[in-house]
């Protein structure tokens, strides 16, 4: 089982969209470590949304779809459902 997830950082006031087959608690923990990359070094990322998929390819396609929106309003609308 794969899933997409959306994290939120209050420090950055930004969202991060990703997909994984890993446990979401462990994946969020990794995002909150001090590593290089967009999510690294802040340590306050919170899981705010998930969608599950039977296949990794479907989760990846959905992640790309959400990222193509490039719209905070649409992401917040999705989260609020």
PDB file of N, CA and C in Angstrom:
ATOM      1  N   UNK A   1       0.848  -1.182   0.000  1.00  0.00           N
ATOM      2  CA  UNK A   1       0.000   0.000   0.000  1.00  0.00           C
ATOM      3  C   UNK A   1       0.886   1.235   0.000  1.00  0.00           C
ATOM      4  N   UNK A   2       0.555   2.192  -0.841  1.00  0.00           N
ATOM      5  CA  UNK A   2       1.262   3.463  -0.910  1.00  0.00           C
ATOM      6  C   UNK A   2       0.298   4.587  -0.591  1.00  0.00           C
ATOM      7  N   UNK A   3       0.845   5.729  -0.293  1.00  0.00           N
ATOM      8  CA  UNK A   3      -0.006   6.865   0.037  1.00  0.00           C
ATOM      9  C   UNK A   3       0.692   8.178  -0.274  1.00  0.00           C
ATOM     10  N   UNK A   4      -0.136   9.179  -0.516  1.00  0.00           N
ATOM     11  CA  UNK A   4       0.409  10.526  -0.575  1.00  0.00           C
ATOM     12  C   UNK A   4       0.167  11.150   0.781  1.00  0.00           C
ATOM     13  N   UNK A   5       0.977  12.143   1.104  1.00  0.00           N
ATOM     14  CA  UNK A   5       0.820  12.832   2.369  1.00  0.00           C
ATOM     15  C   UNK A   5       1.155  14.303   2.182  1.00  0.00           C
ATOM     16  N   UNK A   6       0.583  15.111   3.040  1.00  0.00           N
ATOM     17  CA  UNK A   6       0.882  16.537   3.041  1.00  0.00           C
ATOM     18  C   UNK A   6       1.313  16.904   4.451  1.00  0.00           C
ATOM     19  N   UNK A   7       2.476  17.542   4.532  1.00  0.00           N
ATOM     20  CA  UNK A   7       3.010  18.034   5.790  1.00  0.00           C
ATOM     21  C   UNK A   7       2.888  19.549   5.813  1.00  0.00           C
ATOM     22  N   UNK A   8       2.815  20.109   7.023  1.00  0.00           N
ATOM     23  CA  UNK A   8       2.767  21.564   7.171  1.00  0.00           C
ATOM     24  C   UNK A   8       3.813  22.006   8.188  1.00  0.00           C
ATOM     25  N   UNK A   9       4.527  23.082   7.871  1.00  0.00           N
ATOM     26  CA  UNK A   9       5.495  23.683   8.777  1.00  0.00           C
ATOM     27  C   UNK A   9       4.998  25.062   9.176  1.00  0.00           C
ATOM     28  N   UNK A  10       4.786  25.266  10.476  1.00  0.00           N
ATOM     29  CA  UNK A  10       4.370  26.584  10.970  1.00  0.00           C
ATOM     30  C   UNK A  10       5.525  27.583  10.864  1.00  0.00           C
ATOM     31  N   UNK A  11       6.761  27.109  11.037  1.00  0.00           N
ATOM     32  CA  UNK A  11       7.926  27.996  10.927  1.00  0.00           C
ATOM     33  C   UNK A  11       8.000  28.600   9.533  1.00  0.00           C
ATOM     34  N   UNK A  12       7.852  27.763   8.516  1.00  0.00           N
ATOM     35  CA  UNK A  12       7.920  28.233   7.130  1.00  0.00           C
ATOM     36  C   UNK A  12       6.574  28.708   6.601  1.00  0.00           C
ATOM     37  N   UNK A  13       5.487  28.296   7.266  1.00  0.00           N
ATOM     38  CA  UNK A  13       4.123  28.519   6.784  1.00  0.00           C
ATOM     39  C   UNK A  13       3.978  27.981   5.363  1.00  0.00           C
ATOM     40  N   UNK A  14       4.434  26.729   5.185  1.00  0.00           N
ATOM     41  CA  UNK A  14       4.408  26.075   3.875  1.00  0.00           C
ATOM     42  C   UNK A  14       3.954  24.625   4.023  1.00  0.00           C
ATOM     43  N   UNK A  15       3.495  24.095   2.884  1.00  0.00           N
ATOM     44  CA  UNK A  15       3.105  22.699   2.795  1.00  0.00           C
ATOM     45  C   UNK A  15       4.144  21.929   1.993  1.00  0.00           C
ATOM     46  N   UNK A  16       4.242  20.631   2.274  1.00  0.00           N
ATOM     47  CA  UNK A  16       5.099  19.729   1.514  1.00  0.00           C
ATOM     48  C   UNK A  16       4.250  18.533   1.111  1.00  0.00           C
ATOM     49  N   UNK A  17       4.281  18.179  -0.160  1.00  0.00           N
ATOM     50  CA  UNK A  17       3.519  17.040  -0.679  1.00  0.00           C
ATOM     51  C   UNK A  17       4.496  15.943  -1.079  1.00  0.00           C
ATOM     52  N   UNK A  18       4.227  14.710  -0.635  1.00  0.00           N
ATOM     53  CA  UNK A  18       5.085  13.589  -0.982  1.00  0.00           C
ATOM     54  C   UNK A  18       4.284  12.303  -1.070  1.00  0.00           C
ATOM     55  N   UNK A  19       4.974  11.220  -1.443  1.00  0.00           N
ATOM     56  CA  UNK A  19       4.338   9.902  -1.434  1.00  0.00           C
ATOM     57  C   UNK A  19       5.318   8.895  -0.851  1.00  0.00           C
ATOM     58  N   UNK A  20       4.782   7.822  -0.284  1.00  0.00           N
ATOM     59  CA  UNK A  20       5.630   6.818   0.353  1.00  0.00           C
ATOM     60  C   UNK A  20       4.897   5.490   0.478  1.00  0.00           C
ATOM     61  N   UNK A  21       5.682   4.447   0.636  1.00  0.00           N
ATOM     62  CA  UNK A  21       5.154   3.137   1.012  1.00  0.00           C
ATOM     63  C   UNK A  21       5.530   2.825   2.457  1.00  0.00           C
ATOM     64  N   UNK A  22       6.311   3.718   3.065  1.00  0.00           N
ATOM     65  CA  UNK A  22       6.764   3.554   4.452  1.00  0.00           C
ATOM     66  C   UNK A  22       5.659   3.938   5.437  1.00  0.00           C
ATOM     67  N   UNK A  23       5.898   3.615   6.690  1.00  0.00           N
ATOM     68  CA  UNK A  23       5.042   4.052   7.781  1.00  0.00           C
ATOM     69  C   UNK A  23       5.087   5.580   7.846  1.00  0.00           C
ATOM     70  N   UNK A  24       3.918   6.232   7.945  1.00  0.00           N
ATOM     71  CA  UNK A  24       3.874   7.696   7.910  1.00  0.00           C
ATOM     72  C   UNK A  24       4.519   8.344   9.123  1.00  0.00           C
ATOM     73  N   UNK A  25       4.436   7.724  10.284  1.00  0.00           N
ATOM     74  CA  UNK A  25       5.103   8.280  11.462  1.00  0.00           C
ATOM     75  C   UNK A  25       6.618   8.307  11.253  1.00  0.00           C
ATOM     76  N   UNK A  26       7.149   7.227  10.703  1.00  0.00           N
ATOM     77  CA  UNK A  26       8.587   7.153  10.442  1.00  0.00           C
ATOM     78  C   UNK A  26       8.988   8.137   9.344  1.00  0.00           C
ATOM     79  N   UNK A  27       8.170   8.248   8.319  1.00  0.00           N
ATOM     80  CA  UNK A  27       8.475   9.177   7.223  1.00  0.00           C
ATOM     81  C   UNK A  27       8.468  10.623   7.727  1.00  0.00           C
ATOM     82  N   UNK A  28       7.490  10.969   8.549  1.00  0.00           N
ATOM     83  CA  UNK A  28       7.427  12.317   9.116  1.00  0.00           C
ATOM     84  C   UNK A  28       8.636  12.571  10.008  1.00  0.00           C
ATOM     85  N   UNK A  29       9.031  11.579  10.790  1.00  0.00           N
ATOM     86  CA  UNK A  29      10.212  11.705  11.640  1.00  0.00           C
ATOM     87  C   UNK A  29      11.450  12.016  10.798  1.00  0.00           C
ATOM     88  N   UNK A  30      11.583  11.337   9.666  1.00  0.00           N
ATOM     89  CA  UNK A  30      12.728  11.580   8.784  1.00  0.00           C
ATOM     90  C   UNK A  30      12.717  13.009   8.238  1.00  0.00           C
ATOM     91  N   UNK A  31      11.533  13.502   7.901  1.00  0.00           N
ATOM     92  CA  UNK A  31      11.443  14.886   7.414  1.00  0.00           C
ATOM     93  C   UNK A  31      11.878  15.874   8.496  1.00  0.00           C
ATOM     94  N   UNK A  32      11.666  15.524   9.739  1.00  0.00           N
ATOM     95  CA  UNK A  32      11.977  16.420  10.846  1.00  0.00           C
ATOM     96  C   UNK A  32      13.416  16.314  11.348  1.00  0.00           C
ATOM     97  N   UNK A  33      14.245  15.508  10.685  1.00  0.00           N
ATOM     98  CA  UNK A  33      15.655  15.429  11.057  1.00  0.00           C
ATOM     99  C   UNK A  33      16.423  16.563  10.391  1.00  0.00           C
ATOM    100  N   UNK A  34      17.640  16.779  10.848  1.00  0.00           N
ATOM    101  CA  UNK A  34      18.476  17.841  10.295  1.00  0.00           C
ATOM    102  C   UNK A  34      19.220  17.304   9.069  1.00  0.00           C
ATOM    103  N   UNK A  35      18.563  17.347   7.920  1.00  0.00           N
ATOM    104  CA  UNK A  35      19.155  16.873   6.675  1.00  0.00           C
ATOM    105  C   UNK A  35      19.077  17.985   5.628  1.00  0.00           C
ATOM    106  N   UNK A  36      19.785  17.795   4.539  1.00  0.00           N
ATOM    107  CA  UNK A  36      19.702  18.770   3.446  1.00  0.00           C
ATOM    108  C   UNK A  36      18.389  18.558   2.711  1.00  0.00           C
ATOM    109  N   UNK A  37      17.874  19.604   2.147  1.00  0.00           N
ATOM    110  CA  UNK A  37      16.629  19.496   1.393  1.00  0.00           C
ATOM    111  C   UNK A  37      15.574  20.427   1.946  1.00  0.00           C
ATOM    112  N   UNK A  38      14.454  20.475   1.271  1.00  0.00           N
ATOM    113  CA  UNK A  38      13.386  21.421   1.591  1.00  0.00           C
ATOM    114  C   UNK A  38      12.879  21.279   3.024  1.00  0.00           C
ATOM    115  N   UNK A  39      12.721  20.051   3.501  1.00  0.00           N
ATOM    116  CA  UNK A  39      12.139  19.848   4.829  1.00  0.00           C
ATOM    117  C   UNK A  39      13.180  19.784   5.944  1.00  0.00           C
ATOM    118  N   UNK A  40      14.441  19.734   5.604  1.00  0.00           N
ATOM    119  CA  UNK A  40      15.492  19.570   6.601  1.00  0.00           C
ATOM    120  C   UNK A  40      15.719  20.798   7.459  1.00  0.00           C
ATOM    121  N   UNK A  41      16.028  20.557   8.723  1.00  0.00           N
ATOM    122  CA  UNK A  41      16.461  21.613   9.611  1.00  0.00           C
ATOM    123  C   UNK A  41      15.383  22.382  10.351  1.00  0.00           C
ATOM    124  N   UNK A  42      14.134  22.235  10.001  1.00  0.00           N
ATOM    125  CA  UNK A  42      13.073  22.977  10.689  1.00  0.00           C
ATOM    126  C   UNK A  42      12.522  22.192  11.872  1.00  0.00           C
ATOM    127  N   UNK A  43      12.277  20.907  11.675  1.00  0.00           N
ATOM    128  CA  UNK A  43      11.865  20.039  12.768  1.00  0.00           C
ATOM    129  C   UNK A  43      10.438  20.200  13.253  1.00  0.00           C
ATOM    130  N   UNK A  44       9.626  20.968  12.545  1.00  0.00           N
ATOM    131  CA  UNK A  44       8.245  21.167  13.024  1.00  0.00           C
ATOM    132  C   UNK A  44       7.194  20.673  12.025  1.00  0.00           C
ATOM    133  N   UNK A  45       7.577  19.835  11.091  1.00  0.00           N
ATOM    134  CA  UNK A  45       6.622  19.337  10.096  1.00  0.00           C
ATOM    135  C   UNK A  45       5.577  18.447  10.754  1.00  0.00           C
ATOM    136  N   UNK A  46       4.305  18.735  10.478  1.00  0.00           N
ATOM    137  CA  UNK A  46       3.177  17.969  11.014  1.00  0.00           C
ATOM    138  C   UNK A  46       2.389  17.367   9.863  1.00  0.00           C
ATOM    139  N   UNK A  47       1.989  16.115  10.021  1.00  0.00           N
ATOM    140  CA  UNK A  47       1.153  15.452   9.026  1.00  0.00           C
ATOM    141  C   UNK A  47      -0.253  16.020   9.092  1.00  0.00           C
ATOM    142  N   UNK A  48      -0.744  16.546   7.942  1.00  0.00           N
ATOM    143  CA  UNK A  48      -2.078  17.155   7.940  1.00  0.00           C
ATOM    144  C   UNK A  48      -3.046  16.467   6.977  1.00  0.00           C
ATOM    145  N   UNK A  49      -2.546  15.547   6.109  1.00  0.00           N
ATOM    146  CA  UNK A  49      -3.441  14.910   5.138  1.00  0.00           C
ATOM    147  C   UNK A  49      -2.787  13.661   4.561  1.00  0.00           C
ATOM    148  N   UNK A  50      -3.608  12.634   4.294  1.00  0.00           N
ATOM    149  CA  UNK A  50      -3.132  11.432   3.597  1.00  0.00           C
ATOM    150  C   UNK A  50      -4.220  10.897   2.671  1.00  0.00           C
ATOM    151  N   UNK A  51      -3.798  10.215   1.634  1.00  0.00           N
ATOM    152  CA  UNK A  51      -4.681   9.429   0.747  1.00  0.00           C
ATOM    153  C   UNK A  51      -3.972   8.114   0.486  1.00  0.00           C
ATOM    154  N   UNK A  52      -4.686   6.999   0.564  1.00  0.00           N
ATOM    155  CA  UNK A  52      -4.101   5.678   0.342  1.00  0.00           C
ATOM    156  C   UNK A  52      -4.409   5.166  -1.059  1.00  0.00           C
ATOM    157  N   UNK A  53      -3.446   4.399  -1.615  1.00  0.00           N
ATOM    158  CA  UNK A  53      -3.568   3.815  -2.943  1.00  0.00           C
ATOM    159  C   UNK A  53      -3.050   2.387  -2.918  1.00  0.00           C
ATOM    160  N   UNK A  54      -3.626   1.543  -3.759  1.00  0.00           N
ATOM    161  CA  UNK A  54      -3.206   0.149  -3.824  1.00  0.00           C
ATOM    162  C   UNK A  54      -1.857  -0.010  -4.508  1.00  0.00           C
ATOM    163  N   UNK A  55      -1.526   0.914  -5.416  1.00  0.00           N
ATOM    164  CA  UNK A  55      -0.283   0.818  -6.176  1.00  0.00           C
ATOM    165  C   UNK A  55       0.549   2.084  -6.033  1.00  0.00           C
ATOM    166  N   UNK A  56       1.862   1.894  -5.984  1.00  0.00           N
ATOM    167  CA  UNK A  56       2.778   3.022  -5.853  1.00  0.00           C
ATOM    168  C   UNK A  56       2.622   3.990  -7.029  1.00  0.00           C
ATOM    169  N   UNK A  57       2.408   3.457  -8.224  1.00  0.00           N
ATOM    170  CA  UNK A  57       2.288   4.313  -9.412  1.00  0.00           C
ATOM    171  C   UNK A  57       1.086   5.253  -9.298  1.00  0.00           C
ATOM    172  N   UNK A  58       0.013   4.795  -8.673  1.00  0.00           N
ATOM    173  CA  UNK A  58      -1.165   5.642  -8.498  1.00  0.00           C
ATOM    174  C   UNK A  58      -0.902   6.742  -7.467  1.00  0.00           C
ATOM    175  N   UNK A  59      -0.182   6.395  -6.404  1.00  0.00           N
ATOM    176  CA  UNK A  59       0.167   7.395  -5.392  1.00  0.00           C
ATOM    177  C   UNK A  59       1.081   8.452  -6.000  1.00  0.00           C
ATOM    178  N   UNK A  60       2.044   8.015  -6.798  1.00  0.00           N
ATOM    179  CA  UNK A  60       2.964   8.956  -7.437  1.00  0.00           C
ATOM    180  C   UNK A  60       2.221   9.880  -8.402  1.00  0.00           C
ATOM    181  N   UNK A  61       1.288   9.326  -9.163  1.00  0.00           N
ATOM    182  CA  UNK A  61       0.503  10.134 -10.105  1.00  0.00           C
ATOM    183  C   UNK A  61      -0.324  11.180  -9.352  1.00  0.00           C
ATOM    184  N   UNK A  62      -0.897  10.791  -8.228  1.00  0.00           N
ATOM    185  CA  UNK A  62      -1.691  11.739  -7.431  1.00  0.00           C
ATOM    186  C   UNK A  62      -0.793  12.822  -6.825  1.00  0.00           C
ATOM    187  N   UNK A  63       0.384  12.439  -6.368  1.00  0.00           N
ATOM    188  CA  UNK A  63       1.329  13.433  -5.849  1.00  0.00           C
ATOM    189  C   UNK A  63       1.654  14.466  -6.925  1.00  0.00           C
ATOM    190  N   UNK A  64       1.953  14.009  -8.124  1.00  0.00           N
ATOM    191  CA  UNK A  64       2.281  14.916  -9.236  1.00  0.00           C
ATOM    192  C   UNK A  64       1.093  15.826  -9.550  1.00  0.00           C
ATOM    193  N   UNK A  65      -0.121  15.262  -9.500  1.00  0.00           N
ATOM    194  CA  UNK A  65      -1.326  16.055  -9.763  1.00  0.00           C
ATOM    195  C   UNK A  65      -1.454  17.204  -8.758  1.00  0.00           C
ATOM    196  N   UNK A  66      -1.297  16.886  -7.479  1.00  0.00           N
ATOM    197  CA  UNK A  66      -1.422  17.899  -6.426  1.00  0.00           C
ATOM    198  C   UNK A  66      -0.317  18.950  -6.581  1.00  0.00           C
ATOM    199  N   UNK A  67       0.895  18.520  -6.853  1.00  0.00           N
ATOM    200  CA  UNK A  67       1.999  19.460  -7.009  1.00  0.00           C
ATOM    201  C   UNK A  67       1.803  20.382  -8.213  1.00  0.00           C
ATOM    202  N   UNK A  68       1.185  19.887  -9.261  1.00  0.00           N
ATOM    203  CA  UNK A  68       0.948  20.705 -10.457  1.00  0.00           C
ATOM    204  C   UNK A  68      -0.038  21.835 -10.191  1.00  0.00           C
ATOM    205  N   UNK A  69      -0.864  21.688  -9.169  1.00  0.00           N
ATOM    206  CA  UNK A  69      -1.805  22.758  -8.838  1.00  0.00           C
ATOM    207  C   UNK A  69      -1.062  24.046  -8.524  1.00  0.00           C
ATOM    208  N   UNK A  70       0.079  23.936  -7.824  1.00  0.00           N
ATOM    209  CA  UNK A  70       0.850  25.112  -7.398  1.00  0.00           C
ATOM    210  C   UNK A  70      -0.054  26.140  -6.732  1.00  0.00           C
ATOM    211  N   UNK A  71      -0.982  25.633  -5.940  1.00  0.00           N
ATOM    212  CA  UNK A  71      -1.984  26.497  -5.330  1.00  0.00           C
ATOM    213  C   UNK A  71      -2.188  26.132  -3.864  1.00  0.00           C
ATOM    214  N   UNK A  72      -1.823  27.045  -3.003  1.00  0.00           N
ATOM    215  CA  UNK A  72      -2.036  26.853  -1.570  1.00  0.00           C
ATOM    216  C   UNK A  72      -3.521  26.717  -1.262  1.00  0.00           C
ATOM    217  N   UNK A  73      -4.352  27.527  -1.943  1.00  0.00           N
ATOM    218  CA  UNK A  73      -5.790  27.477  -1.705  1.00  0.00           C
ATOM    219  C   UNK A  73      -6.363  26.103  -2.023  1.00  0.00           C
ATOM    220  N   UNK A  74      -5.930  25.489  -3.121  1.00  0.00           N
ATOM    221  CA  UNK A  74      -6.450  24.174  -3.486  1.00  0.00           C
ATOM    222  C   UNK A  74      -5.976  23.106  -2.503  1.00  0.00           C
ATOM    223  N   UNK A  75      -4.732  23.221  -2.042  1.00  0.00           N
ATOM    224  CA  UNK A  75      -4.219  22.261  -1.048  1.00  0.00           C
ATOM    225  C   UNK A  75      -4.998  22.397   0.244  1.00  0.00           C
ATOM    226  N   UNK A  76      -5.256  23.635   0.675  1.00  0.00           N
ATOM    227  CA  UNK A  76      -6.022  23.837   1.910  1.00  0.00           C
ATOM    228  C   UNK A  76      -7.468  23.380   1.755  1.00  0.00           C
ATOM    229  N   UNK A  77      -8.027  23.508   0.571  1.00  0.00           N
ATOM    230  CA  UNK A  77      -9.380  22.993   0.314  1.00  0.00           C
ATOM    231  C   UNK A  77      -9.380  21.457   0.411  1.00  0.00           C
ATOM    232  N   UNK A  78      -8.363  20.819  -0.159  1.00  0.00           N
ATOM    233  CA  UNK A  78      -8.245  19.355  -0.089  1.00  0.00           C
ATOM    234  C   UNK A  78      -8.120  18.905   1.365  1.00  0.00           C
ATOM    235  N   UNK A  79      -7.294  19.566   2.125  1.00  0.00           N
ATOM    236  CA  UNK A  79      -7.075  19.215   3.532  1.00  0.00           C
ATOM    237  C   UNK A  79      -8.348  19.368   4.358  1.00  0.00           C
ATOM    238  N   UNK A  80      -9.142  20.376   4.041  1.00  0.00           N
ATOM    239  CA  UNK A  80     -10.338  20.665   4.845  1.00  0.00           C
ATOM    240  C   UNK A  80     -11.487  19.688   4.601  1.00  0.00           C
ATOM    241  N   UNK A  81     -11.410  18.870   3.561  1.00  0.00           N
ATOM    242  CA  UNK A  81     -12.483  17.910   3.261  1.00  0.00           C
ATOM    243  C   UNK A  81     -12.543  16.815   4.288  1.00  0.00           C
TER     244      UNK A  81
END
